[in-house]
Amino acid sequence: MDLNLGGPCIRQAPDSQPVSHASHALQKAALELFEPSTRKRVLDLGSGCGIVAIMLALQRPNWLVEGLEIQPDQVSLAHKNAEHCGLDITFHHGDLRSYQSSQPYDIIVSNPPWLTPGSGKASPSQARNLSRFELLGGMEDVLSCVKRNLAPDGDALLLYPQVRVPQLVDLAKNTMLDIISPLAAPDLSKHIICHIRHKGQ
């Protein structure tokens, strides 16, 4: 399956979770919040086929964009998609529960899996289940990864359904992170993009 970006086409694995409006919402929020002239180190946490990282790199060529993905097939596909778009993006194959970058990131964006196991209908595709359900790390793991890898004055944008935001707020406090503001997610009326920083920043 291909996704046209108005020029380059992004290939998606047929058995993976289809790209949704969430990708565009995260990209749009990052572009609106952060100055285009400032060089930033950016991590797309749970990068999948690379769509968010690629869109950001195309719009902000002075940003150093990377991705982290646990599924090796998706990492390989993301590299191919980036090369097809003429971009040099590093996609790390790794687990967010243990990932530690050698250098912190100025911006971390993520649309993580948010369905708790058993709370929805499973797919015959394991790749799709990994993208939808918290099978390999939950909300607390996402926040811990942000805490470890975000620069002291950095910003994170996490997209979650509104019903899970109260839990996110409680866990963020325990992780010494502050939710600065909830941002509306265009075309996603039941979701919120949470703007997060280290506590006190």
N, C-alpha and C. Protein backbone atom coordinates (compact mmCIF):
# COMPACT_ATOMS: atom_id res chain seq x y z
N MET A 1 0.85 -1.19 0.00
CA MET A 1 0.00 0.00 0.00
C MET A 1 0.88 1.24 0.00
N ASP A 2 0.58 2.20 -0.86
CA ASP A 2 1.38 3.41 -0.97
C ASP A 2 0.59 4.62 -0.47
N LEU A 3 1.31 5.58 0.14
CA LEU A 3 0.72 6.82 0.60
C LEU A 3 1.43 7.96 -0.11
N ASN A 4 0.68 8.77 -0.87
CA ASN A 4 1.27 9.85 -1.65
C ASN A 4 1.38 11.10 -0.81
N LEU A 5 2.58 11.69 -0.76
CA LEU A 5 2.81 12.92 -0.02
C LEU A 5 2.81 14.14 -0.93
N GLY A 6 2.20 14.02 -2.09
CA GLY A 6 2.21 15.13 -3.04
C GLY A 6 3.49 15.15 -3.84
N GLY A 7 4.16 14.04 -3.93
CA GLY A 7 5.42 13.88 -4.64
C GLY A 7 5.89 12.47 -4.39
N PRO A 8 6.74 12.28 -3.35
CA PRO A 8 7.20 10.93 -3.03
C PRO A 8 6.05 10.07 -2.49
N CYS A 9 6.14 8.78 -2.72
CA CYS A 9 5.16 7.83 -2.17
C CYS A 9 5.80 7.05 -1.03
N ILE A 10 5.06 6.92 0.07
CA ILE A 10 5.52 6.16 1.22
C ILE A 10 4.86 4.79 1.16
N ARG A 11 5.67 3.76 1.20
CA ARG A 11 5.14 2.40 1.13
C ARG A 11 4.83 1.89 2.54
N GLN A 12 3.67 1.25 2.66
CA GLN A 12 3.27 0.64 3.92
C GLN A 12 3.14 -0.87 3.73
N ALA A 13 3.54 -1.62 4.74
CA ALA A 13 3.38 -3.07 4.68
C ALA A 13 1.89 -3.41 4.69
N PRO A 14 1.45 -4.34 3.85
CA PRO A 14 0.02 -4.64 3.74
C PRO A 14 -0.62 -5.16 5.02
N ASP A 15 0.18 -5.78 5.91
CA ASP A 15 -0.39 -6.34 7.14
C ASP A 15 -0.20 -5.43 8.35
N SER A 16 0.28 -4.19 8.12
CA SER A 16 0.52 -3.27 9.22
C SER A 16 -0.69 -2.36 9.43
N GLN A 17 -0.69 -1.64 10.55
CA GLN A 17 -1.76 -0.69 10.82
C GLN A 17 -1.67 0.46 9.82
N PRO A 18 -2.75 0.78 9.10
CA PRO A 18 -2.70 1.85 8.10
C PRO A 18 -2.38 3.20 8.75
N VAL A 19 -1.65 4.04 8.01
CA VAL A 19 -1.37 5.40 8.48
C VAL A 19 -2.68 6.16 8.61
N SER A 20 -2.84 6.90 9.71
CA SER A 20 -4.09 7.62 9.98
C SER A 20 -3.83 9.12 10.03
N HIS A 21 -4.90 9.87 10.36
CA HIS A 21 -4.78 11.32 10.51
C HIS A 21 -3.84 11.68 11.66
N ALA A 22 -3.55 10.75 12.55
CA ALA A 22 -2.67 11.03 13.68
C ALA A 22 -1.29 11.48 13.22
N SER A 23 -0.79 10.88 12.15
CA SER A 23 0.53 11.25 11.64
C SER A 23 0.56 12.71 11.22
N HIS A 24 -0.46 13.12 10.49
CA HIS A 24 -0.53 14.52 10.04
C HIS A 24 -0.70 15.45 11.23
N ALA A 25 -1.49 15.04 12.22
CA ALA A 25 -1.72 15.89 13.40
C ALA A 25 -0.43 16.12 14.18
N LEU A 26 0.36 15.08 14.37
CA LEU A 26 1.64 15.23 15.08
C LEU A 26 2.60 16.12 14.32
N GLN A 27 2.70 15.89 13.01
CA GLN A 27 3.58 16.71 12.18
C GLN A 27 3.16 18.17 12.24
N LYS A 28 1.88 18.42 12.10
CA LYS A 28 1.36 19.79 12.09
C LYS A 28 1.64 20.49 13.42
N ALA A 29 1.44 19.79 14.52
CA ALA A 29 1.70 20.37 15.84
C ALA A 29 3.17 20.74 16.00
N ALA A 30 4.06 19.85 15.58
CA ALA A 30 5.49 20.12 15.70
C ALA A 30 5.91 21.31 14.84
N LEU A 31 5.38 21.39 13.63
CA LEU A 31 5.74 22.49 12.74
C LEU A 31 5.24 23.82 13.27
N GLU A 32 4.07 23.81 13.92
CA GLU A 32 3.51 25.06 14.43
C GLU A 32 4.15 25.51 15.74
N LEU A 33 4.61 24.56 16.54
CA LEU A 33 5.14 24.90 17.87
C LEU A 33 6.59 25.35 17.86
N PHE A 34 7.39 24.81 16.94
CA PHE A 34 8.83 24.99 17.04
C PHE A 34 9.38 25.78 15.86
N GLU A 35 10.32 26.66 16.15
CA GLU A 35 10.89 27.56 15.14
C GLU A 35 11.58 26.78 14.04
N PRO A 36 11.29 27.10 12.78
CA PRO A 36 11.90 26.37 11.66
C PRO A 36 13.39 26.64 11.50
N SER A 37 13.84 27.81 11.98
CA SER A 37 15.24 28.19 11.76
C SER A 37 16.19 27.55 12.77
N THR A 38 15.66 26.99 13.84
CA THR A 38 16.49 26.42 14.89
C THR A 38 16.77 24.95 14.61
N ARG A 39 18.03 24.57 14.65
CA ARG A 39 18.39 23.16 14.43
C ARG A 39 17.94 22.33 15.62
N LYS A 40 17.24 21.25 15.36
CA LYS A 40 16.72 20.40 16.42
C LYS A 40 17.09 18.94 16.17
N ARG A 41 17.32 18.23 17.28
CA ARG A 41 17.40 16.77 17.21
C ARG A 41 16.02 16.22 17.57
N VAL A 42 15.47 15.41 16.66
CA VAL A 42 14.07 14.97 16.80
C VAL A 42 14.00 13.45 16.77
N LEU A 43 13.18 12.88 17.65
CA LEU A 43 12.94 11.43 17.66
C LEU A 43 11.46 11.17 17.43
N ASP A 44 11.18 10.32 16.44
CA ASP A 44 9.83 9.79 16.24
C ASP A 44 9.80 8.44 16.95
N LEU A 45 9.11 8.39 18.08
CA LEU A 45 9.10 7.22 18.96
C LEU A 45 8.00 6.26 18.52
N GLY A 46 8.41 5.09 18.03
CA GLY A 46 7.46 4.15 17.44
C GLY A 46 7.18 4.56 16.01
N SER A 47 8.23 4.60 15.20
CA SER A 47 8.19 5.27 13.89
C SER A 47 7.50 4.49 12.79
N GLY A 48 7.26 3.18 12.99
CA GLY A 48 6.56 2.42 11.96
C GLY A 48 7.24 2.51 10.61
N CYS A 49 6.47 2.82 9.57
CA CYS A 49 7.02 2.91 8.21
C CYS A 49 7.78 4.21 7.98
N GLY A 50 7.85 5.08 9.00
CA GLY A 50 8.65 6.30 8.91
C GLY A 50 7.90 7.54 8.49
N ILE A 51 6.58 7.49 8.41
CA ILE A 51 5.81 8.58 7.83
C ILE A 51 6.00 9.92 8.56
N VAL A 52 5.93 9.93 9.89
CA VAL A 52 6.05 11.19 10.63
C VAL A 52 7.46 11.75 10.51
N ALA A 53 8.47 10.89 10.71
CA ALA A 53 9.86 11.33 10.58
C ALA A 53 10.13 11.89 9.20
N ILE A 54 9.62 11.24 8.18
CA ILE A 54 9.85 11.69 6.80
C ILE A 54 9.16 13.02 6.54
N MET A 55 7.92 13.17 6.98
CA MET A 55 7.21 14.43 6.78
C MET A 55 7.92 15.58 7.47
N LEU A 56 8.42 15.35 8.69
CA LEU A 56 9.14 16.40 9.40
C LEU A 56 10.45 16.74 8.71
N ALA A 57 11.18 15.73 8.26
CA ALA A 57 12.46 15.97 7.59
C ALA A 57 12.27 16.72 6.27
N LEU A 58 11.19 16.43 5.57
CA LEU A 58 10.92 17.14 4.32
C LEU A 58 10.58 18.60 4.57
N GLN A 59 9.84 18.87 5.64
CA GLN A 59 9.42 20.24 5.95
C GLN A 59 10.49 21.04 6.70
N ARG A 60 11.35 20.34 7.44
CA ARG A 60 12.38 21.01 8.23
C ARG A 60 13.74 20.36 7.92
N PRO A 61 14.33 20.69 6.78
CA PRO A 61 15.58 20.03 6.38
C PRO A 61 16.75 20.29 7.32
N ASN A 62 16.67 21.32 8.16
CA ASN A 62 17.77 21.59 9.10
C ASN A 62 17.62 20.82 10.41
N TRP A 63 16.51 20.10 10.57
CA TRP A 63 16.35 19.26 11.76
C TRP A 63 17.00 17.90 11.52
N LEU A 64 17.62 17.36 12.55
CA LEU A 64 18.18 16.01 12.50
C LEU A 64 17.13 15.05 13.06
N VAL A 65 16.46 14.35 12.17
CA VAL A 65 15.32 13.51 12.56
C VAL A 65 15.73 12.04 12.60
N GLU A 66 15.34 11.34 13.65
CA GLU A 66 15.58 9.91 13.78
C GLU A 66 14.27 9.22 14.17
N GLY A 67 14.26 7.90 14.06
CA GLY A 67 13.10 7.12 14.46
C GLY A 67 13.53 5.94 15.32
N LEU A 68 12.62 5.47 16.15
CA LEU A 68 12.84 4.26 16.96
C LEU A 68 11.65 3.33 16.75
N GLU A 69 11.94 2.09 16.37
CA GLU A 69 10.88 1.12 16.06
C GLU A 69 11.32 -0.27 16.49
N ILE A 70 10.41 -1.03 17.09
CA ILE A 70 10.75 -2.35 17.60
C ILE A 70 10.59 -3.44 16.55
N GLN A 71 9.81 -3.22 15.51
CA GLN A 71 9.58 -4.24 14.49
C GLN A 71 10.63 -4.11 13.38
N PRO A 72 11.50 -5.10 13.22
CA PRO A 72 12.60 -4.99 12.25
C PRO A 72 12.14 -4.77 10.81
N ASP A 73 11.04 -5.40 10.41
CA ASP A 73 10.54 -5.20 9.05
C ASP A 73 10.14 -3.75 8.81
N GLN A 74 9.57 -3.13 9.83
CA GLN A 74 9.18 -1.73 9.70
C GLN A 74 10.40 -0.81 9.64
N VAL A 75 11.44 -1.15 10.39
CA VAL A 75 12.68 -0.37 10.35
C VAL A 75 13.26 -0.39 8.95
N SER A 76 13.34 -1.57 8.35
CA SER A 76 13.85 -1.71 6.99
C SER A 76 13.00 -0.93 6.00
N LEU A 77 11.69 -1.01 6.14
CA LEU A 77 10.79 -0.30 5.24
C LEU A 77 10.94 1.21 5.41
N ALA A 78 11.09 1.67 6.64
CA ALA A 78 11.26 3.10 6.89
C ALA A 78 12.53 3.63 6.23
N HIS A 79 13.63 2.88 6.32
CA HIS A 79 14.86 3.29 5.65
C HIS A 79 14.66 3.40 4.14
N LYS A 80 13.96 2.43 3.56
CA LYS A 80 13.71 2.46 2.12
C LYS A 80 12.83 3.65 1.74
N ASN A 81 11.83 3.94 2.56
CA ASN A 81 10.96 5.08 2.29
C ASN A 81 11.73 6.39 2.35
N ALA A 82 12.61 6.52 3.34
CA ALA A 82 13.41 7.73 3.47
C ALA A 82 14.34 7.90 2.28
N GLU A 83 14.99 6.83 1.87
CA GLU A 83 15.88 6.88 0.71
C GLU A 83 15.11 7.26 -0.55
N HIS A 84 13.90 6.73 -0.70
CA HIS A 84 13.06 7.04 -1.85
C HIS A 84 12.72 8.53 -1.90
N CYS A 85 12.66 9.14 -0.71
CA CYS A 85 12.35 10.58 -0.62
C CYS A 85 13.62 11.44 -0.65
N GLY A 86 14.77 10.80 -0.83
CA GLY A 86 16.02 11.55 -0.87
C GLY A 86 16.49 12.02 0.48
N LEU A 87 16.11 11.32 1.54
CA LEU A 87 16.44 11.73 2.90
C LEU A 87 17.39 10.75 3.57
N ASP A 88 18.25 11.27 4.43
CA ASP A 88 19.16 10.45 5.22
C ASP A 88 18.66 10.46 6.66
N ILE A 89 17.79 9.53 6.99
CA ILE A 89 17.21 9.44 8.32
C ILE A 89 17.64 8.12 8.95
N THR A 90 18.09 8.18 10.20
CA THR A 90 18.44 6.97 10.93
C THR A 90 17.21 6.45 11.66
N PHE A 91 16.85 5.21 11.37
CA PHE A 91 15.78 4.54 12.10
C PHE A 91 16.42 3.44 12.94
N HIS A 92 16.33 3.60 14.25
CA HIS A 92 16.93 2.64 15.18
C HIS A 92 15.98 1.47 15.41
N HIS A 93 16.52 0.26 15.37
CA HIS A 93 15.74 -0.91 15.77
C HIS A 93 15.97 -1.11 17.25
N GLY A 94 14.95 -0.87 18.05
CA GLY A 94 15.13 -0.98 19.49
C GLY A 94 13.82 -0.95 20.24
N ASP A 95 13.93 -1.17 21.54
CA ASP A 95 12.78 -1.25 22.44
C ASP A 95 12.73 0.01 23.28
N LEU A 96 11.62 0.73 23.26
CA LEU A 96 11.52 1.98 24.01
C LEU A 96 11.69 1.76 25.51
N ARG A 97 11.46 0.53 25.98
CA ARG A 97 11.59 0.26 27.41
C ARG A 97 13.04 0.30 27.88
N SER A 98 13.98 0.21 26.96
CA SER A 98 15.39 0.22 27.33
C SER A 98 16.21 1.21 26.51
N TYR A 99 15.60 1.87 25.53
CA TYR A 99 16.36 2.73 24.62
C TYR A 99 16.98 3.91 25.35
N GLN A 100 18.26 4.14 25.08
CA GLN A 100 18.98 5.27 25.63
C GLN A 100 19.87 5.84 24.54
N SER A 101 19.56 7.03 24.09
CA SER A 101 20.36 7.67 23.04
C SER A 101 21.66 8.21 23.62
N SER A 102 22.69 8.26 22.78
CA SER A 102 23.96 8.83 23.23
C SER A 102 23.87 10.34 23.38
N GLN A 103 22.90 10.96 22.70
CA GLN A 103 22.66 12.39 22.81
C GLN A 103 21.16 12.62 23.00
N PRO A 104 20.78 13.56 23.86
CA PRO A 104 19.35 13.79 24.09
C PRO A 104 18.69 14.46 22.88
N TYR A 105 17.38 14.38 22.84
CA TYR A 105 16.61 14.96 21.74
C TYR A 105 15.92 16.25 22.20
N ASP A 106 15.87 17.20 21.29
CA ASP A 106 15.16 18.46 21.56
C ASP A 106 13.65 18.28 21.45
N ILE A 107 13.23 17.37 20.57
CA ILE A 107 11.81 17.11 20.35
C ILE A 107 11.61 15.60 20.26
N ILE A 108 10.61 15.09 20.95
CA ILE A 108 10.18 13.69 20.79
C ILE A 108 8.70 13.71 20.44
N VAL A 109 8.34 13.03 19.37
CA VAL A 109 6.93 12.92 18.98
C VAL A 109 6.55 11.44 18.97
N SER A 110 5.30 11.17 19.31
CA SER A 110 4.88 9.77 19.32
C SER A 110 3.36 9.64 19.27
N ASN A 111 2.92 8.68 18.48
CA ASN A 111 1.53 8.21 18.48
C ASN A 111 1.60 6.74 18.89
N PRO A 112 1.79 6.48 20.19
CA PRO A 112 2.05 5.11 20.63
C PRO A 112 0.79 4.25 20.62
N PRO A 113 0.96 2.94 20.66
CA PRO A 113 -0.20 2.07 20.87
C PRO A 113 -0.88 2.46 22.18
N TRP A 114 -2.20 2.52 22.20
CA TRP A 114 -2.87 2.98 23.42
C TRP A 114 -3.99 2.07 23.90
N LEU A 115 -4.31 1.02 23.16
CA LEU A 115 -5.32 0.07 23.63
C LEU A 115 -4.68 -0.90 24.62
N THR A 116 -5.28 -1.05 25.79
CA THR A 116 -4.76 -2.03 26.74
C THR A 116 -5.12 -3.43 26.26
N PRO A 117 -4.25 -4.41 26.50
CA PRO A 117 -4.53 -5.77 26.04
C PRO A 117 -5.89 -6.27 26.53
N GLY A 118 -6.66 -6.82 25.61
CA GLY A 118 -7.98 -7.34 25.95
C GLY A 118 -9.10 -6.33 25.85
N SER A 119 -8.77 -5.06 25.55
CA SER A 119 -9.80 -4.01 25.52
C SER A 119 -10.41 -3.80 24.14
N GLY A 120 -9.93 -4.49 23.15
CA GLY A 120 -10.46 -4.34 21.80
C GLY A 120 -10.29 -5.62 21.02
N LYS A 121 -10.84 -5.63 19.83
CA LYS A 121 -10.77 -6.83 18.99
C LYS A 121 -9.38 -6.97 18.37
N ALA A 122 -8.78 -8.11 18.58
CA ALA A 122 -7.45 -8.35 18.02
C ALA A 122 -7.53 -8.62 16.53
N SER A 123 -6.45 -8.29 15.84
CA SER A 123 -6.35 -8.52 14.40
C SER A 123 -5.62 -9.84 14.15
N PRO A 124 -5.89 -10.50 13.03
CA PRO A 124 -5.09 -11.67 12.66
C PRO A 124 -3.62 -11.32 12.42
N SER A 125 -3.36 -10.03 12.16
CA SER A 125 -1.99 -9.57 11.89
C SER A 125 -1.32 -9.16 13.19
N GLN A 126 -0.21 -9.82 13.54
CA GLN A 126 0.52 -9.46 14.75
C GLN A 126 1.12 -8.07 14.63
N ALA A 127 1.57 -7.70 13.43
CA ALA A 127 2.13 -6.37 13.22
C ALA A 127 1.09 -5.29 13.53
N ARG A 128 -0.13 -5.53 13.11
CA ARG A 128 -1.20 -4.56 13.38
C ARG A 128 -1.53 -4.52 14.87
N ASN A 129 -1.52 -5.67 15.52
CA ASN A 129 -1.78 -5.69 16.97
C ASN A 129 -0.72 -4.92 17.74
N LEU A 130 0.54 -5.06 17.32
CA LEU A 130 1.63 -4.35 18.00
C LEU A 130 1.49 -2.84 17.86
N SER A 131 0.86 -2.39 16.78
CA SER A 131 0.68 -0.96 16.55
C SER A 131 -0.53 -0.40 17.29
N ARG A 132 -1.43 -1.28 17.73
CA ARG A 132 -2.67 -0.82 18.35
C ARG A 132 -2.71 -1.07 19.86
N PHE A 133 -2.16 -2.20 20.29
CA PHE A 133 -2.25 -2.59 21.70
C PHE A 133 -0.92 -2.39 22.42
N GLU A 134 -0.99 -2.14 23.72
CA GLU A 134 0.20 -1.96 24.55
C GLU A 134 0.79 -3.32 24.92
N LEU A 135 1.28 -4.02 23.91
CA LEU A 135 1.82 -5.37 24.12
C LEU A 135 3.29 -5.36 24.49
N LEU A 136 4.01 -4.34 24.02
CA LEU A 136 5.45 -4.26 24.26
C LEU A 136 5.81 -2.94 24.95
N GLY A 137 5.00 -2.57 25.91
CA GLY A 137 5.24 -1.33 26.64
C GLY A 137 4.00 -0.47 26.69
N GLY A 138 3.69 0.03 27.88
CA GLY A 138 2.51 0.86 28.06
C GLY A 138 2.85 2.32 28.23
N MET A 139 1.87 3.07 28.71
CA MET A 139 2.01 4.52 28.86
C MET A 139 3.18 4.89 29.77
N GLU A 140 3.34 4.16 30.87
CA GLU A 140 4.44 4.45 31.79
C GLU A 140 5.79 4.24 31.13
N ASP A 141 5.91 3.23 30.27
CA ASP A 141 7.15 2.98 29.55
C ASP A 141 7.44 4.09 28.55
N VAL A 142 6.40 4.58 27.89
CA VAL A 142 6.57 5.69 26.94
C VAL A 142 7.10 6.92 27.67
N LEU A 143 6.49 7.25 28.80
CA LEU A 143 6.92 8.42 29.56
C LEU A 143 8.33 8.25 30.11
N SER A 144 8.69 7.06 30.54
CA SER A 144 10.05 6.81 31.04
C SER A 144 11.07 6.99 29.92
N CYS A 145 10.72 6.54 28.72
CA CYS A 145 11.61 6.71 27.58
C CYS A 145 11.79 8.19 27.25
N VAL A 146 10.69 8.94 27.31
CA VAL A 146 10.76 10.39 27.09
C VAL A 146 11.67 11.02 28.14
N LYS A 147 11.48 10.66 29.40
CA LYS A 147 12.27 11.22 30.49
C LYS A 147 13.76 10.97 30.28
N ARG A 148 14.12 9.76 29.85
CA ARG A 148 15.53 9.41 29.67
C ARG A 148 16.17 10.13 28.50
N ASN A 149 15.41 10.37 27.46
CA ASN A 149 16.00 10.80 26.19
C ASN A 149 15.72 12.24 25.78
N LEU A 150 14.92 12.94 26.56
CA LEU A 150 14.58 14.32 26.23
C LEU A 150 15.60 15.28 26.84
N ALA A 151 16.06 16.24 26.05
CA ALA A 151 17.00 17.26 26.54
C ALA A 151 16.36 18.03 27.70
N PRO A 152 17.18 18.61 28.60
CA PRO A 152 16.62 19.32 29.76
C PRO A 152 15.59 20.38 29.40
N ASP A 153 15.79 21.06 28.26
CA ASP A 153 14.83 22.08 27.83
C ASP A 153 14.02 21.61 26.62
N GLY A 154 13.92 20.28 26.46
CA GLY A 154 13.24 19.72 25.30
C GLY A 154 11.73 19.64 25.45
N ASP A 155 11.08 19.27 24.35
CA ASP A 155 9.62 19.18 24.29
C ASP A 155 9.21 17.84 23.69
N ALA A 156 8.16 17.25 24.25
CA ALA A 156 7.60 16.02 23.70
C ALA A 156 6.14 16.24 23.34
N LEU A 157 5.72 15.60 22.25
CA LEU A 157 4.32 15.64 21.82
C LEU A 157 3.82 14.20 21.73
N LEU A 158 2.88 13.84 22.60
CA LEU A 158 2.33 12.49 22.63
C LEU A 158 0.85 12.54 22.32
N LEU A 159 0.42 11.69 21.39
CA LEU A 159 -0.99 11.65 21.01
C LEU A 159 -1.68 10.47 21.69
N TYR A 160 -2.73 10.78 22.46
CA TYR A 160 -3.51 9.76 23.16
C TYR A 160 -5.00 10.09 23.06
N PRO A 161 -5.87 9.08 23.20
CA PRO A 161 -7.31 9.37 23.26
C PRO A 161 -7.63 10.14 24.54
N GLN A 162 -8.63 10.99 24.48
CA GLN A 162 -8.98 11.82 25.63
C GLN A 162 -9.28 11.00 26.89
N VAL A 163 -9.85 9.81 26.71
CA VAL A 163 -10.22 9.00 27.88
C VAL A 163 -9.01 8.54 28.68
N ARG A 164 -7.82 8.57 28.07
CA ARG A 164 -6.63 8.11 28.78
C ARG A 164 -5.76 9.26 29.28
N VAL A 165 -6.15 10.49 28.99
CA VAL A 165 -5.35 11.64 29.40
C VAL A 165 -5.25 11.76 30.93
N PRO A 166 -6.33 11.54 31.71
CA PRO A 166 -6.16 11.60 33.17
C PRO A 166 -5.08 10.64 33.69
N GLN A 167 -5.02 9.45 33.13
CA GLN A 167 -3.97 8.50 33.52
C GLN A 167 -2.60 9.02 33.11
N LEU A 168 -2.52 9.63 31.94
CA LEU A 168 -1.26 10.20 31.47
C LEU A 168 -0.79 11.30 32.42
N VAL A 169 -1.71 12.14 32.87
CA VAL A 169 -1.37 13.23 33.79
C VAL A 169 -0.79 12.66 35.09
N ASP A 170 -1.44 11.64 35.65
CA ASP A 170 -0.96 11.04 36.90
C ASP A 170 0.42 10.40 36.73
N LEU A 171 0.60 9.66 35.64
CA LEU A 171 1.88 8.99 35.41
C LEU A 171 2.99 10.00 35.12
N ALA A 172 2.66 11.09 34.43
CA ALA A 172 3.66 12.11 34.13
C ALA A 172 4.21 12.71 35.43
N LYS A 173 3.33 12.93 36.40
CA LYS A 173 3.78 13.47 37.69
C LYS A 173 4.77 12.52 38.36
N ASN A 174 4.48 11.23 38.28
CA ASN A 174 5.37 10.23 38.89
C ASN A 174 6.71 10.14 38.17
N THR A 175 6.72 10.53 36.88
CA THR A 175 7.94 10.46 36.08
C THR A 175 8.68 11.79 36.07
N MET A 176 8.20 12.75 36.86
CA MET A 176 8.80 14.09 36.93
C MET A 176 8.74 14.81 35.59
N LEU A 177 7.59 14.67 34.93
CA LEU A 177 7.32 15.39 33.70
C LEU A 177 6.08 16.24 33.90
N ASP A 178 5.99 17.35 33.19
CA ASP A 178 4.83 18.23 33.24
C ASP A 178 4.11 18.23 31.90
N ILE A 179 2.79 18.13 31.93
CA ILE A 179 2.00 18.34 30.72
C ILE A 179 1.73 19.83 30.63
N ILE A 180 2.38 20.49 29.68
CA ILE A 180 2.29 21.94 29.55
C ILE A 180 0.92 22.35 29.04
N SER A 181 0.45 21.66 28.02
CA SER A 181 -0.85 22.01 27.45
C SER A 181 -1.37 20.87 26.59
N PRO A 182 -2.69 20.68 26.58
CA PRO A 182 -3.30 19.75 25.63
C PRO A 182 -3.58 20.49 24.33
N LEU A 183 -3.26 19.86 23.21
CA LEU A 183 -3.47 20.48 21.90
C LEU A 183 -4.51 19.67 21.14
N ALA A 184 -5.40 20.37 20.47
CA ALA A 184 -6.40 19.68 19.65
C ALA A 184 -5.71 18.95 18.52
N ALA A 185 -6.20 17.78 18.20
CA ALA A 185 -5.68 16.99 17.08
C ALA A 185 -6.67 17.09 15.93
N PRO A 186 -6.34 17.84 14.86
CA PRO A 186 -7.26 18.00 13.74
C PRO A 186 -7.71 16.66 13.18
N ASP A 187 -9.00 16.56 12.90
CA ASP A 187 -9.60 15.34 12.32
C ASP A 187 -9.62 14.17 13.30
N LEU A 188 -9.25 14.42 14.56
CA LEU A 188 -9.25 13.36 15.57
C LEU A 188 -9.96 13.89 16.81
N SER A 189 -11.27 13.97 16.77
CA SER A 189 -12.04 14.66 17.81
C SER A 189 -11.93 13.99 19.18
N LYS A 190 -11.61 12.71 19.21
CA LYS A 190 -11.54 11.99 20.48
C LYS A 190 -10.12 11.85 21.01
N HIS A 191 -9.18 12.52 20.36
CA HIS A 191 -7.77 12.41 20.76
C HIS A 191 -7.20 13.78 21.11
N ILE A 192 -6.14 13.77 21.87
CA ILE A 192 -5.45 14.98 22.30
C ILE A 192 -3.95 14.78 22.10
N ILE A 193 -3.28 15.84 21.66
CA ILE A 193 -1.81 15.84 21.64
C ILE A 193 -1.35 16.54 22.91
N CYS A 194 -0.61 15.84 23.74
CA CYS A 194 -0.14 16.40 25.00
C CYS A 194 1.29 16.92 24.84
N HIS A 195 1.46 18.20 25.14
CA HIS A 195 2.77 18.86 25.08
C HIS A 195 3.43 18.69 26.44
N ILE A 196 4.57 18.01 26.46
CA ILE A 196 5.20 17.60 27.72
C ILE A 196 6.64 18.12 27.81
N ARG A 197 7.01 18.54 29.00
CA ARG A 197 8.40 18.96 29.29
C ARG A 197 8.83 18.36 30.63
N HIS A 198 10.14 18.46 30.88
CA HIS A 198 10.64 18.08 32.20
C HIS A 198 10.02 19.00 33.25
N LYS A 199 9.80 18.48 34.42
CA LYS A 199 9.15 19.24 35.49
C LYS A 199 9.94 20.51 35.79
N GLY A 200 9.24 21.63 35.86
CA GLY A 200 9.86 22.91 36.18
C GLY A 200 10.39 23.67 34.99
N GLN A 201 10.34 23.09 33.79
CA GLN A 201 10.85 23.77 32.60
C GLN A 201 9.75 24.61 31.95
